[in-house]
PDB file of N, CA and C in Angstrom:
ATOM      1  N   GLU A   1     105.560  84.829  65.766  1.00  0.00           N
ATOM      2  CA  GLU A   1     106.128  85.241  66.840  1.00  0.00           C
ATOM      3  C   GLU A   1     105.884  86.432  67.495  1.00  0.00           C
ATOM      4  N   GLU A   2     105.950  86.904  66.400  1.00  0.00           N
ATOM      5  CA  GLU A   2     105.291  89.208  66.576  1.00  0.00           C
ATOM      6  C   GLU A   2     104.463  89.180  66.817  1.00  0.00           C
ATOM      7  N   ILE A   3     104.005  88.568  66.069  1.00  0.00           N
ATOM      8  CA  ILE A   3     102.202  89.300  66.018  1.00  0.00           C
ATOM      9  C   ILE A   3     101.516  88.655  67.695  1.00  0.00           C
ATOM     10  N   ALA A   4     102.046  87.094  67.861  1.00  0.00           N
ATOM     11  CA  ALA A   4     101.602  87.326  69.080  1.00  0.00           C
ATOM     12  C   ALA A   4     101.770  88.006  70.384  1.00  0.00           C
ATOM     13  N   ALA A   5     103.132  88.345  69.932  1.00  0.00           N
ATOM     14  CA  ALA A   5     103.523  88.566  71.125  1.00  0.00           C
ATOM     15  C   ALA A   5     103.366  89.979  71.597  1.00  0.00           C
ATOM     16  N   ALA A   6     102.990  90.642  70.126  1.00  0.00           N
ATOM     17  CA  ALA A   6     102.550  92.194  69.966  1.00  0.00           C
ATOM     18  C   ALA A   6     100.901  92.177  70.643  1.00  0.00           C
ATOM     19  N   GLU A   7      99.982  91.149  70.181  1.00  0.00           N
ATOM     20  CA  GLU A   7      98.328  91.367  70.936  1.00  0.00           C
ATOM     21  C   GLU A   7      98.899  90.563  72.043  1.00  0.00           C
ATOM     22  N   GLU A   8      99.669  90.123  72.598  1.00  0.00           N
ATOM     23  CA  GLU A   8      99.759  89.637  74.452  1.00  0.00           C
ATOM     24  C   GLU A   8     100.106  90.824  74.943  1.00  0.00           C
ATOM     25  N   ALA A   9     100.500  91.738  74.237  1.00  0.00           N
ATOM     26  CA  ALA A   9     101.282  92.942  74.824  1.00  0.00           C
ATOM     27  C   ALA A   9      99.854  93.689  74.537  1.00  0.00           C
ATOM     28  N   ASN A  10      98.943  94.144  73.950  1.00  0.00           N
ATOM     29  CA  ASN A  10      97.863  94.624  73.926  1.00  0.00           C
ATOM     30  C   ASN A  10      96.976  94.325  74.567  1.00  0.00           C
ATOM     31  N   ALA A  11      96.693  93.178  75.046  1.00  0.00           N
ATOM     32  CA  ALA A  11      95.719  92.095  76.098  1.00  0.00           C
ATOM     33  C   ALA A  11      95.717  93.046  77.529  1.00  0.00           C
ATOM     34  N   PRO A  12      94.137  93.249  77.979  1.00  0.00           N
ATOM     35  CA  PRO A  12      94.128  94.198  79.436  1.00  0.00           C
ATOM     36  C   PRO A  12      94.460  93.745  79.896  1.00  0.00           C
ATOM     37  N   VAL A  13      95.135  94.867  81.329  1.00  0.00           N
ATOM     38  CA  VAL A  13      95.646  94.122  82.345  1.00  0.00           C
ATOM     39  C   VAL A  13      94.345  94.144  83.361  1.00  0.00           C
ATOM     40  N   ALA A  14      94.603  92.602  84.130  1.00  0.00           N
ATOM     41  CA  ALA A  14      94.062  92.825  84.986  1.00  0.00           C
ATOM     42  C   ALA A  14      94.350  93.665  86.221  1.00  0.00           C
ATOM     43  N   SER A  15      92.829  93.951  86.938  1.00  0.00           N
ATOM     44  CA  SER A  15      93.196  95.358  87.711  1.00  0.00           C
ATOM     45  C   SER A  15      93.623  94.059  89.274  1.00  0.00           C
ATOM     46  N   LEU A  16      94.123  94.884  90.010  1.00  0.00           N
ATOM     47  CA  LEU A  16      93.761  94.025  91.832  1.00  0.00           C
ATOM     48  C   LEU A  16      92.878  93.989  91.987  1.00  0.00           C
ATOM     49  N   GLN A  17      91.757  95.038  91.829  1.00  0.00           N
ATOM     50  CA  GLN A  17      90.948  95.537  92.514  1.00  0.00           C
ATOM     51  C   GLN A  17      89.639  94.457  91.653  1.00  0.00           C
ATOM     52  N   MET A  18      90.163  93.723  90.716  1.00  0.00           N
ATOM     53  CA  MET A  18      89.061  92.815  90.172  1.00  0.00           C
ATOM     54  C   MET A  18      88.557  91.612  91.341  1.00  0.00           C
ATOM     55  N   GLU A  19      86.972  91.053  91.051  1.00  0.00           N
ATOM     56  CA  GLU A  19      87.358  90.542  92.263  1.00  0.00           C
ATOM     57  C   GLU A  19      87.178  88.624  91.829  1.00  0.00           C
ATOM     58  N   THR A  20      87.239  88.303  92.630  1.00  0.00           N
ATOM     59  CA  THR A  20      87.268  86.449  91.928  1.00  0.00           C
ATOM     60  C   THR A  20      85.794  85.851  91.945  1.00  0.00           C
ATOM     61  N   GLY A  21      85.957  84.808  91.217  1.00  0.00           N
ATOM     62  CA  GLY A  21      84.569  84.189  91.801  1.00  0.00           C
ATOM     63  C   GLY A  21      83.568  84.316  92.973  1.00  0.00           C
ATOM     64  N   ASP A  22      84.916  84.017  93.946  1.00  0.00           N
ATOM     65  CA  ASP A  22      83.756  83.905  95.725  1.00  0.00           C
ATOM     66  C   ASP A  22      84.063  85.401  96.220  1.00  0.00           C
ATOM     67  N   GLY A  23      84.071  86.177  95.521  1.00  0.00           N
ATOM     68  CA  GLY A  23      83.342  88.157  96.046  1.00  0.00           C
ATOM     69  C   GLY A  23      85.100  88.127  96.764  1.00  0.00           C
ATOM     70  N   PHE A  24      86.415  87.968  96.538  1.00  0.00           N
ATOM     71  CA  PHE A  24      87.629  88.325  97.215  1.00  0.00           C
ATOM     72  C   PHE A  24      88.421  89.321  95.598  1.00  0.00           C
ATOM     73  N   THR A  25      89.098  90.506  96.147  1.00  0.00           N
ATOM     74  CA  THR A  25      89.475  90.926  94.998  1.00  0.00           C
ATOM     75  C   THR A  25      90.984  89.977  94.517  1.00  0.00           C
ATOM     76  N   LEU A  26      91.711  90.193  93.832  1.00  0.00           N
ATOM     77  CA  LEU A  26      92.872  89.634  93.323  1.00  0.00           C
ATOM     78  C   LEU A  26      93.417  90.152  94.322  1.00  0.00           C
ATOM     79  N   GLU A  27      93.816  91.553  94.977  1.00  0.00           N
ATOM     80  CA  GLU A  27      94.624  92.173  95.847  1.00  0.00           C
ATOM     81  C   GLU A  27      94.211  91.448  97.647  1.00  0.00           C
ATOM     82  N   SER A  28      93.397  91.045  97.579  1.00  0.00           N
ATOM     83  CA  SER A  28      93.252  90.096  98.547  1.00  0.00           C
ATOM     84  C   SER A  28      93.690  88.707  98.562  1.00  0.00           C
ATOM     85  N   VAL A  29      93.285  88.130  97.710  1.00  0.00           N
ATOM     86  CA  VAL A  29      94.154  86.963  97.706  1.00  0.00           C
ATOM     87  C   VAL A  29      95.167  86.507  97.669  1.00  0.00           C
ATOM     88  N   LEU A  30      96.595  87.494  96.818  1.00  0.00           N
ATOM     89  CA  LEU A  30      97.880  87.800  96.646  1.00  0.00           C
ATOM     90  C   LEU A  30      98.352  88.044  97.994  1.00  0.00           C
ATOM     91  N   GLY A  31      99.411  88.254  97.550  1.00  0.00           N
ATOM     92  CA  GLY A  31      99.930  88.446  99.552  1.00  0.00           C
ATOM     93  C   GLY A  31     101.612  88.184  99.617  1.00  0.00           C
ATOM     94  N   ASP A  32     101.950  88.309 100.168  1.00  0.00           N
ATOM     95  CA  ASP A  32     103.256  88.423 100.857  1.00  0.00           C
ATOM     96  C   ASP A  32     103.620  86.701 101.153  1.00  0.00           C
ATOM     97  N   GLY A  33     102.613  85.808 101.955  1.00  0.00           N
ATOM     98  CA  GLY A  33     102.446  84.686 102.295  1.00  0.00           C
ATOM     99  C   GLY A  33     102.121  83.603 101.164  1.00  0.00           C
ATOM    100  N   GLY A  34     102.198  82.366 102.012  1.00  0.00           N
ATOM    101  CA  GLY A  34     102.102  81.616 101.195  1.00  0.00           C
ATOM    102  C   GLY A  34     100.965  80.854 100.529  1.00  0.00           C
ATOM    103  N   MET A  35     100.385  80.358  99.558  1.00  0.00           N
ATOM    104  CA  MET A  35      99.110  80.223  99.035  1.00  0.00           C
ATOM    105  C   MET A  35      98.093  79.529  99.798  1.00  0.00           C
ATOM    106  N   GLU A  36      98.933  78.466 100.842  1.00  0.00           N
ATOM    107  CA  GLU A  36      98.418  77.507 101.788  1.00  0.00           C
ATOM    108  C   GLU A  36      97.564  78.389 103.028  1.00  0.00           C
ATOM    109  N   GLU A  37      98.082  79.117 103.268  1.00  0.00           N
ATOM    110  CA  GLU A  37      98.321  80.631 104.211  1.00  0.00           C
ATOM    111  C   GLU A  37      96.910  81.163 103.537  1.00  0.00           C
ATOM    112  N   ALA A  38      97.016  81.711 102.682  1.00  0.00           N
ATOM    113  CA  ALA A  38      96.182  82.580 101.914  1.00  0.00           C
ATOM    114  C   ALA A  38      94.585  81.703 102.002  1.00  0.00           C
ATOM    115  N   VAL A  39      94.738  80.914 101.810  1.00  0.00           N
ATOM    116  CA  VAL A  39      93.329  79.595 101.797  1.00  0.00           C
ATOM    117  C   VAL A  39      93.552  79.749 103.525  1.00  0.00           C
ATOM    118  N   VAL A  40      93.908  79.808 103.996  1.00  0.00           N
ATOM    119  CA  VAL A  40      93.048  79.344 105.543  1.00  0.00           C
ATOM    120  C   VAL A  40      92.980  80.373 105.985  1.00  0.00           C
ATOM    121  N   GLU A  41      93.680  82.015 105.720  1.00  0.00           N
ATOM    122  CA  GLU A  41      92.688  83.376 106.094  1.00  0.00           C
ATOM    123  C   GLU A  41      91.720  83.516 105.587  1.00  0.00           C
ATOM    124  N   ARG A  42      91.688  83.197 104.262  1.00  0.00           N
ATOM    125  CA  ARG A  42      89.992  82.515 103.138  1.00  0.00           C
ATOM    126  C   ARG A  42      89.013  82.124 104.174  1.00  0.00           C
ATOM    127  N   GLU A  43      89.434  81.290 104.270  1.00  0.00           N
ATOM    128  CA  GLU A  43      88.149  80.003 105.210  1.00  0.00           C
ATOM    129  C   GLU A  43      88.056  80.742 106.752  1.00  0.00           C
ATOM    130  N   ALA A  44      89.166  81.609 107.245  1.00  0.00           N
ATOM    131  CA  ALA A  44      88.678  81.791 108.801  1.00  0.00           C
ATOM    132  C   ALA A  44      88.027  82.378 108.754  1.00  0.00           C
ATOM    133  N   LEU A  45      88.189  83.451 107.448  1.00  0.00           N
ATOM    134  CA  LEU A  45      87.111  84.743 107.103  1.00  0.00           C
ATOM    135  C   LEU A  45      85.707  84.578 107.144  1.00  0.00           C
ATOM    136  N   ARG A  46      85.126  83.487 106.067  1.00  0.00           N
ATOM    137  CA  ARG A  46      84.840  83.191 105.077  1.00  0.00           C
ATOM    138  C   ARG A  46      84.049  82.876 107.080  1.00  0.00           C
ATOM    139  N   THR A  47      83.956  81.772 107.501  1.00  0.00           N
ATOM    140  CA  THR A  47      82.926  81.455 108.429  1.00  0.00           C
ATOM    141  C   THR A  47      82.981  82.461 109.530  1.00  0.00           C
ATOM    142  N   ALA A  48      84.013  83.372 109.448  1.00  0.00           N
ATOM    143  CA  ALA A  48      83.933  84.143 110.587  1.00  0.00           C
ATOM    144  C   ALA A  48      83.051  85.262 110.395  1.00  0.00           C
ATOM    145  N   VAL A  49      82.635  85.390 109.314  1.00  0.00           N
ATOM    146  CA  VAL A  49      81.127  86.235 108.129  1.00  0.00           C
ATOM    147  C   VAL A  49      80.389  85.610 108.747  1.00  0.00           C
ATOM    148  N   ALA A  50      80.104  84.366 108.074  1.00  0.00           N
ATOM    149  CA  ALA A  50      78.811  83.541 108.303  1.00  0.00           C
ATOM    150  C   ALA A  50      78.265  83.311 109.268  1.00  0.00           C
ATOM    151  N   SER A  51      79.099  83.670 110.583  1.00  0.00           N
ATOM    152  CA  SER A  51      78.529  82.922 111.981  1.00  0.00           C
ATOM    153  C   SER A  51      78.397  85.048 112.707  1.00  0.00           C
ATOM    154  N   LEU A  52      77.851  85.995 111.661  1.00  0.00           N
ATOM    155  CA  LEU A  52      77.272  87.079 112.172  1.00  0.00           C
ATOM    156  C   LEU A  52      75.970  86.551 111.882  1.00  0.00           C
ATOM    157  N   PRO A  53      75.297  87.841 112.524  1.00  0.00           N
ATOM    158  CA  PRO A  53      73.717  87.721 112.723  1.00  0.00           C
ATOM    159  C   PRO A  53      73.458  88.341 110.755  1.00  0.00           C
ATOM    160  N   ASP A  54      72.255  88.248 110.790  1.00  0.00           N
ATOM    161  CA  ASP A  54      72.089  88.085 108.942  1.00  0.00           C
ATOM    162  C   ASP A  54      72.185  89.767 108.305  1.00  0.00           C
ATOM    163  N   ARG A  55      71.569  90.860 109.391  1.00  0.00           N
ATOM    164  CA  ARG A  55      72.182  91.992 109.544  1.00  0.00           C
ATOM    165  C   ARG A  55      73.130  92.788 109.393  1.00  0.00           C
ATOM    166  N   GLU A  56      74.033  92.089 109.949  1.00  0.00           N
ATOM    167  CA  GLU A  56      75.634  92.611 110.403  1.00  0.00           C
ATOM    168  C   GLU A  56      76.231  91.945 108.676  1.00  0.00           C
ATOM    169  N   ARG A  57      75.482  90.687 108.549  1.00  0.00           N
ATOM    170  CA  ARG A  57      76.535  89.951 107.465  1.00  0.00           C
ATOM    171  C   ARG A  57      76.316  90.366 106.413  1.00  0.00           C
ATOM    172  N   GLN A  58      74.637  90.959 106.128  1.00  0.00           N
ATOM    173  CA  GLN A  58      74.452  91.844 104.786  1.00  0.00           C
ATOM    174  C   GLN A  58      74.940  93.441 104.814  1.00  0.00           C
ATOM    175  N   VAL A  59      75.087  93.487 105.966  1.00  0.00           N
ATOM    176  CA  VAL A  59      76.464  94.667 106.094  1.00  0.00           C
ATOM    177  C   VAL A  59      77.722  95.264 105.855  1.00  0.00           C
ATOM    178  N   ILE A  60      77.742  94.081 105.669  1.00  0.00           N
ATOM    179  CA  ILE A  60      79.694  93.452 105.749  1.00  0.00           C
ATOM    180  C   ILE A  60      80.046  92.869 104.286  1.00  0.00           C
ATOM    181  N   VAL A  61      78.689  91.718 104.166  1.00  0.00           N
ATOM    182  CA  VAL A  61      78.723  91.420 102.152  1.00  0.00           C
ATOM    183  C   VAL A  61      78.840  92.692 101.577  1.00  0.00           C
ATOM    184  N   LEU A  62      77.446  94.007 101.452  1.00  0.00           N
ATOM    185  CA  LEU A  62      77.752  94.952 100.734  1.00  0.00           C
ATOM    186  C   LEU A  62      78.809  96.055 101.075  1.00  0.00           C
ATOM    187  N   ARG A  63      79.344  96.228 102.139  1.00  0.00           N
ATOM    188  CA  ARG A  63      80.556  97.071 102.069  1.00  0.00           C
ATOM    189  C   ARG A  63      81.809  96.805 101.674  1.00  0.00           C
ATOM    190  N   TYR A  64      82.068  95.357 101.781  1.00  0.00           N
ATOM    191  CA  TYR A  64      83.602  95.047 101.145  1.00  0.00           C
ATOM    192  C   TYR A  64      83.308  93.928 100.958  1.00  0.00           C
ATOM    193  N   PHE A  65      82.812  93.319 100.296  1.00  0.00           N
ATOM    194  CA  PHE A  65      82.395  92.589  98.689  1.00  0.00           C
ATOM    195  C   PHE A  65      81.962  93.042  97.738  1.00  0.00           C
ATOM    196  N   ARG A  66      81.158  93.466  97.816  1.00  0.00           N
ATOM    197  CA  ARG A  66      80.273  94.984  96.961  1.00  0.00           C
ATOM    198  C   ARG A  66      80.681  95.724  96.672  1.00  0.00           C
ATOM    199  N   GLY A  67      81.774  96.216  97.129  1.00  0.00           N
ATOM    200  CA  GLY A  67      82.201  97.515  97.454  1.00  0.00           C
ATOM    201  C   GLY A  67      81.279  99.227  97.751  1.00  0.00           C
ATOM    202  N   LEU A  68      80.298  98.454  98.355  1.00  0.00           N
ATOM    203  CA  LEU A  68      79.507 100.172  98.213  1.00  0.00           C
ATOM    204  C   LEU A  68      79.669 101.084  99.166  1.00  0.00           C
ATOM    205  N   THR A  69      79.519 101.683  99.467  1.00  0.00           N
ATOM    206  CA  THR A  69      79.935 103.335 100.765  1.00  0.00           C
ATOM    207  C   THR A  69      78.986 102.654 101.464  1.00  0.00           C
ATOM    208  N   GLN A  70      78.667 103.150 102.451  1.00  0.00           N
ATOM    209  CA  GLN A  70      77.880 103.663 103.339  1.00  0.00           C
ATOM    210  C   GLN A  70      76.473 104.277 103.132  1.00  0.00           C
ATOM    211  N   ASP A  71      76.678 105.272 102.214  1.00  0.00           N
ATOM    212  CA  ASP A  71      75.582 105.418 101.986  1.00  0.00           C
ATOM    213  C   ASP A  71      74.708 104.727 101.398  1.00  0.00           C
ATOM    214  N   ARG A  72      75.075 104.231 100.021  1.00  0.00           N
ATOM    215  CA  ARG A  72      74.372 103.264  99.231  1.00  0.00           C
ATOM    216  C   ARG A  72      74.204 101.852  99.686  1.00  0.00           C
ATOM    217  N   THR A  73      75.099 101.156 100.780  1.00  0.00           N
ATOM    218  CA  THR A  73      74.507 100.400 101.733  1.00  0.00           C
ATOM    219  C   THR A  73      73.441 101.193 102.506  1.00  0.00           C
ATOM    220  N   ALA A  74      73.233 101.836 102.692  1.00  0.00           N
ATOM    221  CA  ALA A  74      71.734 102.544 103.761  1.00  0.00           C
ATOM    222  C   ALA A  74      70.800 102.320 102.635  1.00  0.00           C
ATOM    223  N   ARG A  75      70.936 103.371 101.810  1.00  0.00           N
ATOM    224  CA  ARG A  75      69.735 103.088 100.707  1.00  0.00           C
ATOM    225  C   ARG A  75      69.140 101.996 100.704  1.00  0.00           C
ATOM    226  N   SER A  76      70.238 100.896 100.483  1.00  0.00           N
ATOM    227  CA  SER A  76      69.476  99.179  99.950  1.00  0.00           C
ATOM    228  C   SER A  76      68.691  98.799 100.946  1.00  0.00           C
ATOM    229  N   MET A  77      69.750  99.657 102.323  1.00  0.00           N
ATOM    230  CA  MET A  77      68.600  98.487 102.655  1.00  0.00           C
ATOM    231  C   MET A  77      67.479  99.018 103.818  1.00  0.00           C
ATOM    232  N   GLY A  78      67.269 100.269 102.956  1.00  0.00           N
ATOM    233  CA  GLY A  78      66.277 101.024 103.900  1.00  0.00           C
ATOM    234  C   GLY A  78      66.772 101.681 104.567  1.00  0.00           C
ATOM    235  N   VAL A  79      68.071 101.600 105.672  1.00  0.00           N
ATOM    236  CA  VAL A  79      67.799 102.528 106.878  1.00  0.00           C
ATOM    237  C   VAL A  79      69.218 103.682 106.678  1.00  0.00           C
ATOM    238  N   SER A  80      69.625 104.412 107.766  1.00  0.00           N
ATOM    239  CA  SER A  80      70.568 105.322 108.066  1.00  0.00           C
ATOM    240  C   SER A  80      72.091 105.046 107.219  1.00  0.00           C
ATOM    241  N   GLN A  81      72.340 106.119 107.087  1.00  0.00           N
ATOM    242  CA  GLN A  81      74.611 106.493 107.215  1.00  0.00           C
ATOM    243  C   GLN A  81      74.488 105.860 108.018  1.00  0.00           C
ATOM    244  N   VAL A  82      74.246 106.647 109.558  1.00  0.00           N
ATOM    245  CA  VAL A  82      75.056 106.626 110.481  1.00  0.00           C
ATOM    246  C   VAL A  82      74.290 105.075 110.796  1.00  0.00           C
ATOM    247  N   GLN A  83      73.457 104.405 110.560  1.00  0.00           N
ATOM    248  CA  GLN A  83      73.217 103.035 111.525  1.00  0.00           C
ATOM    249  C   GLN A  83      74.120 102.134 110.822  1.00  0.00           C
ATOM    250  N   ILE A  84      74.242 102.220 109.829  1.00  0.00           N
ATOM    251  CA  ILE A  84      75.173 101.657 108.777  1.00  0.00           C
ATOM    252  C   ILE A  84      76.343 101.060 110.019  1.00  0.00           C
ATOM    253  N   SER A  85      77.452 102.675 109.829  1.00  0.00           N
ATOM    254  CA  SER A  85      77.671 103.316 110.584  1.00  0.00           C
ATOM    255  C   SER A  85      78.285 101.768 112.031  1.00  0.00           C
ATOM    256  N   ARG A  86      77.642 102.258 112.747  1.00  0.00           N
ATOM    257  CA  ARG A  86      77.171 101.558 113.791  1.00  0.00           C
ATOM    258  C   ARG A  86      77.295  99.837 113.844  1.00  0.00           C
ATOM    259  N   VAL A  87      76.373  99.334 112.386  1.00  0.00           N
ATOM    260  CA  VAL A  87      76.609  97.841 112.196  1.00  0.00           C
ATOM    261  C   VAL A  87      77.513  97.624 111.976  1.00  0.00           C
ATOM    262  N   GLU A  88      78.363  98.100 111.191  1.00  0.00           N
ATOM    263  CA  GLU A  88      79.707  97.968 110.828  1.00  0.00           C
ATOM    264  C   GLU A  88      80.844  97.441 111.767  1.00  0.00           C
ATOM    265  N   LYS A  89      80.993  99.231 112.198  1.00  0.00           N
ATOM    266  CA  LYS A  89      81.645  98.703 113.838  1.00  0.00           C
ATOM    267  C   LYS A  89      81.768  97.716 114.755  1.00  0.00           C
ATOM    268  N   LYS A  90      79.986  97.302 115.156  1.00  0.00           N
ATOM    269  CA  LYS A  90      80.252  96.109 115.673  1.00  0.00           C
ATOM    270  C   LYS A  90      80.008  95.301 115.122  1.00  0.00           C
ATOM    271  N   ALA A  91      80.303  94.973 114.127  1.00  0.00           N
ATOM    272  CA  ALA A  91      80.304  93.664 112.920  1.00  0.00           C
ATOM    273  C   ALA A  91      81.717  93.385 113.019  1.00  0.00           C
ATOM    274  N   MET A  92      82.495  94.656 112.423  1.00  0.00           N
ATOM    275  CA  MET A  92      84.408  94.142 112.339  1.00  0.00           C
ATOM    276  C   MET A  92      84.571  94.418 113.700  1.00  0.00           C
ATOM    277  N   GLU A  93      84.581  94.392 114.855  1.00  0.00           N
ATOM    278  CA  GLU A  93      85.669  94.169 116.196  1.00  0.00           C
ATOM    279  C   GLU A  93      84.976  93.176 116.809  1.00  0.00           C
ATOM    280  N   TYR A  94      83.416  92.186 115.954  1.00  0.00           N
ATOM    281  CA  TYR A  94      83.667  90.943 116.172  1.00  0.00           C
ATOM    282  C   TYR A  94      84.377  90.155 115.512  1.00  0.00           C
ATOM    283  N   LEU A  95      84.528  90.090 114.331  1.00  0.00           N
ATOM    284  CA  LEU A  95      84.844  89.943 113.276  1.00  0.00           C
ATOM    285  C   LEU A  95      86.512  89.507 114.090  1.00  0.00           C
ATOM    286  N   ARG A  96      86.811  91.332 114.002  1.00  0.00           N
ATOM    287  CA  ARG A  96      88.469  90.877 115.073  1.00  0.00           C
ATOM    288  C   ARG A  96      88.483  90.098 115.564  1.00  0.00           C
ATOM    289  N   ARG A  97      87.656  90.059 117.018  1.00  0.00           N
ATOM    290  CA  ARG A  97      87.960  88.796 117.593  1.00  0.00           C
ATOM    291  C   ARG A  97      87.650  87.583 118.113  1.00  0.00           C
ATOM    292  N   ARG A  98      86.842  87.143 116.231  1.00  0.00           N
ATOM    293  CA  ARG A  98      86.430  85.754 116.336  1.00  0.00           C
ATOM    294  C   ARG A  98      88.406  85.130 115.052  1.00  0.00           C
ATOM    295  N   LEU A  99      88.869  86.428 114.493  1.00  0.00           N
ATOM    296  CA  LEU A  99      89.835  85.489 113.795  1.00  0.00           C
ATOM    297  C   LEU A  99      91.791  86.342 114.629  1.00  0.00           C
ATOM    298  N   GLU A 100      91.299  86.559 115.920  1.00  0.00           N
ATOM    299  CA  GLU A 100      92.777  86.491 116.488  1.00  0.00           C
ATOM    300  C   GLU A 100      92.188  85.371 117.772  1.00  0.00           C
ATOM    301  N   GLU A 101      91.079  84.856 117.706  1.00  0.00           N
ATOM    302  CA  GLU A 101      90.739  83.170 118.378  1.00  0.00           C
ATOM    303  C   GLU A 101      92.207  82.401 117.512  1.00  0.00           C
TER     304      GLU A 101
END
């Protein structure tokens, strides 16, 4: 039992920033609300993101689900960081409106 406890104590700690299989972080999934509330919020967010135009959806996925900076997102999409900033701002405003409905 002591050996098993020691091995378990030595196991790596899961980071709250670790992504789950569906692109969310543990931190975003865990919260002070109940499990049902988290599921409803996640589905609402997924639906809202899916309703974005392709370019805006790609920026949101790269920035918030893949953790890229605006600069890296811009380079991967072949545009300037300023363009990414504008697209991201527009997409975030749209998502806020959709999620407040």
